[in-house]
Protein backbone atom coordinates (compact mmCIF):
# COMPACT_ATOMS: atom_id res chain seq x y z
CA MET A 1 -9.97 8.52 0.86
CA SER A 2 -7.89 9.72 -3.08
CA GLY A 3 -9.31 9.67 -6.15
CA GLY A 4 -8.55 11.20 -9.40
CA GLY A 5 -8.91 9.38 -12.57
CA SER A 6 -11.33 7.14 -14.59
CA LEU A 7 -12.05 3.32 -14.11
CA THR A 8 -10.04 1.33 -16.57
CA HIS A 9 -11.27 -1.78 -16.01
CA ILE A 10 -14.79 -0.63 -17.58
CA GLY A 11 -15.30 -0.66 -21.83
CA ALA A 12 -18.07 2.28 -23.48
CA SER A 13 -20.82 0.35 -22.91
CA GLY A 14 -20.07 -0.59 -19.09
CA GLU A 15 -18.92 -4.11 -19.77
CA ALA A 16 -15.70 -5.19 -17.41
CA ASN A 17 -12.58 -5.59 -19.75
CA MET A 18 -8.57 -6.35 -19.10
CA VAL A 19 -6.79 -3.11 -19.87
CA ASP A 20 -4.58 -3.56 -22.61
CA VAL A 21 -0.99 -2.92 -21.83
CA GLY A 22 0.76 -4.12 -24.65
CA ASP A 23 1.55 -0.55 -26.03
CA LYS A 24 3.19 0.80 -22.32
CA THR A 25 6.62 0.68 -21.40
CA ASP A 26 8.45 -1.90 -19.28
CA THR A 27 9.95 0.43 -15.83
CA GLU A 28 11.10 -0.68 -12.92
CA ARG A 29 8.11 -1.25 -10.33
CA SER A 30 6.47 -1.97 -6.73
CA ALA A 31 3.75 -1.37 -4.37
CA THR A 32 3.39 -2.11 -0.51
CA ALA A 33 0.82 -3.01 1.88
CA ALA A 34 -0.29 -3.60 4.79
CA ALA A 35 -2.73 -5.59 7.39
CA PHE A 36 -3.17 -6.72 10.85
CA VAL A 37 -4.58 -9.42 12.73
CA ARG A 38 -6.03 -8.37 16.59
CA MET A 39 -5.98 -11.23 19.38
CA LEU A 40 -6.34 -11.66 22.45
CA PRO A 41 -3.42 -11.04 24.18
CA GLU A 42 -2.95 -14.87 24.95
CA THR A 43 -3.44 -16.24 21.90
CA LEU A 44 -0.24 -13.53 20.64
CA ALA A 45 1.56 -15.45 23.69
CA LEU A 46 0.90 -18.63 21.94
CA ILE A 47 2.39 -17.14 18.11
CA ARG A 48 5.21 -16.04 19.71
CA GLU A 49 6.19 -18.88 22.41
CA GLY A 50 5.34 -21.48 18.74
CA ASN A 51 3.05 -23.05 20.86
CA ALA A 52 -0.30 -22.82 18.15
CA LYS A 53 -1.38 -26.10 17.87
CA LYS A 54 -0.88 -26.15 13.78
CA GLY A 55 2.94 -25.09 13.80
CA ASP A 56 4.63 -21.94 13.26
CA VAL A 57 2.05 -19.41 12.44
CA ILE A 58 4.89 -16.32 11.20
CA GLY A 59 6.31 -18.76 9.49
CA THR A 60 3.70 -20.11 7.64
CA ALA A 61 1.90 -16.76 6.76
CA ARG A 62 4.92 -15.12 5.47
CA LEU A 63 4.90 -18.09 2.75
CA ALA A 64 1.38 -17.50 2.10
CA GLY A 65 1.32 -14.03 1.49
CA ILE A 66 4.33 -14.76 -1.16
CA MET A 67 2.66 -17.75 -2.25
CA ALA A 68 -0.82 -15.63 -2.86
CA ALA A 69 1.23 -12.74 -4.56
CA LYS A 70 1.77 -14.53 -8.09
CA LYS A 71 -1.56 -16.15 -7.98
CA THR A 72 -2.86 -12.77 -7.83
CA ALA A 73 -3.94 -13.31 -11.48
CA ASP A 74 -5.84 -16.55 -11.34
CA LEU A 75 -7.74 -14.85 -8.05
CA ILE A 76 -8.67 -11.18 -9.10
CA PRO A 77 -10.43 -11.30 -12.36
CA LEU A 78 -9.24 -9.65 -14.53
CA CYS A 79 -5.48 -8.63 -13.44
CA HIS A 80 -2.62 -9.52 -15.49
CA PRO A 81 -0.23 -12.49 -14.55
CA LEU A 82 2.87 -10.62 -13.83
CA MET A 83 6.66 -12.13 -13.53
CA LEU A 84 7.00 -10.77 -10.55
CA THR A 85 11.23 -9.99 -9.34
CA LYS A 86 10.75 -9.99 -5.58
CA VAL A 87 8.20 -10.29 -3.45
CA ALA A 88 8.21 -9.45 0.21
CA VAL A 89 6.51 -10.25 3.53
CA ASP A 90 7.11 -9.06 6.62
CA ILE A 91 5.60 -9.69 10.04
CA THR A 92 5.37 -8.35 13.46
CA GLU A 93 4.07 -8.48 16.86
CA ASP A 94 2.23 -5.13 18.05
CA ALA A 95 0.93 -5.40 21.62
CA SER A 96 -0.76 -2.53 21.34
CA LEU A 97 -3.79 -4.12 19.03
CA PRO A 98 -2.38 -6.74 20.50
CA GLY A 99 -2.01 -8.72 17.68
CA LEU A 100 0.71 -9.45 14.23
CA ARG A 101 0.79 -6.53 11.99
CA VAL A 102 1.84 -7.13 8.13
CA THR A 103 3.46 -5.80 5.64
CA ALA A 104 4.09 -6.97 2.18
CA THR A 105 5.99 -5.52 -0.70
CA ALA A 106 5.97 -6.95 -4.26
CA LYS A 107 7.93 -5.69 -7.08
CA LEU A 108 8.79 -6.46 -10.84
CA THR A 109 10.08 -4.48 -14.62
CA GLY A 110 7.22 -4.58 -16.40
CA LYS A 111 3.55 -2.43 -18.23
CA THR A 112 1.54 -2.69 -15.24
CA GLY A 113 1.95 -2.37 -11.74
CA VAL A 114 1.76 -4.60 -9.10
CA GLU A 115 -0.54 -3.06 -5.92
CA MET A 116 -2.77 -6.08 -6.77
CA GLU A 117 -0.04 -8.19 -5.71
CA ALA A 118 1.02 -6.69 -2.65
CA LEU A 119 -2.31 -6.64 -1.35
CA THR A 120 -3.23 -9.45 -1.61
CA ALA A 121 -0.33 -10.92 0.07
CA ALA A 122 -0.92 -9.14 3.20
CA SER A 123 -4.69 -9.97 2.73
CA VAL A 124 -3.95 -13.65 2.36
CA ALA A 125 -1.31 -13.41 4.95
CA CYS A 126 -3.76 -12.33 7.17
CA LEU A 127 -6.45 -15.23 6.37
CA THR A 128 -3.21 -17.49 7.14
CA ILE A 129 -2.74 -16.09 11.05
CA TYR A 130 -6.20 -16.45 11.35
CA ASP A 131 -6.58 -20.09 9.84
CA MET A 132 -3.34 -21.08 12.25
CA ALA A 133 -4.63 -19.19 15.14
CA LYS A 134 -8.57 -20.25 15.27
CA ALA A 135 -8.86 -23.12 17.55
CA ALA A 136 -6.89 -20.44 20.70
CA ASP A 137 -9.23 -17.39 19.24
CA LYS A 138 -11.81 -17.27 17.00
CA GLY A 139 -12.72 -13.51 17.40
CA MET A 140 -9.49 -12.56 15.81
CA GLU A 141 -10.22 -9.51 13.29
CA ILE A 142 -8.36 -8.89 10.52
CA GLY A 143 -8.32 -5.07 9.32
CA GLY A 144 -6.54 -2.45 8.07
CA ILE A 145 -5.84 -3.84 4.79
CA ARG A 146 -4.22 -1.00 2.38
CA LEU A 147 -1.33 0.21 0.02
CA ILE A 148 1.17 2.03 1.60
CA GLU A 149 2.66 2.95 -1.39
CA LYS A 150 3.84 2.42 -4.74
CA THR A 151 6.44 3.67 -7.49
CA GLY A 152 6.88 3.62 -10.66
CA GLY A 153 4.83 3.39 -14.23
CA LYS A 154 2.90 6.34 -15.87
CA SER A 155 0.79 7.41 -12.93
CA GLY A 156 4.24 7.67 -10.68
CA ALA A 157 4.66 6.98 -6.88
CA TYR A 158 1.96 6.93 -4.46
CA ARG A 159 2.47 7.15 -0.43
CA LEU A 160 -0.14 6.82 1.51
CA SER A 161 -0.61 10.22 3.45
CA GLY A 162 -0.71 9.69 7.15
CA GLY A 163 -0.83 6.14 7.65
């Protein structure tokens, strides 16, 4: 794990607070997060062939991830509502899991970062995959939710090493 900073959402007396970003400069910012859903090979085949009972699993999960990124401030306390300029959710098959890998990217020009939006998009896309395929495989595993990279802002760029 990487460290190196103080907790910005904690006030002097230990209370939770929303960070004041009013004096920060607008910069182009982006963040990319990743996650996976591990499942039985038979479940992956159902999804690949379009035979899941609830319909298009990948298309629905992609849309759910995009919608979730736009609602992050409603879901995560103390997150600023943001005017996102782009959210992309990519879902690819990984036979080595077996399962699906999700990558979500959020972008904007603003005063605060979009890490939480990217992480929320990846998480909700995985939850949607689980929901749509659970009739076939209740033992699916969601994991690996992490920030892969971020750009912009005062703290500069970050890229997960070895990830």
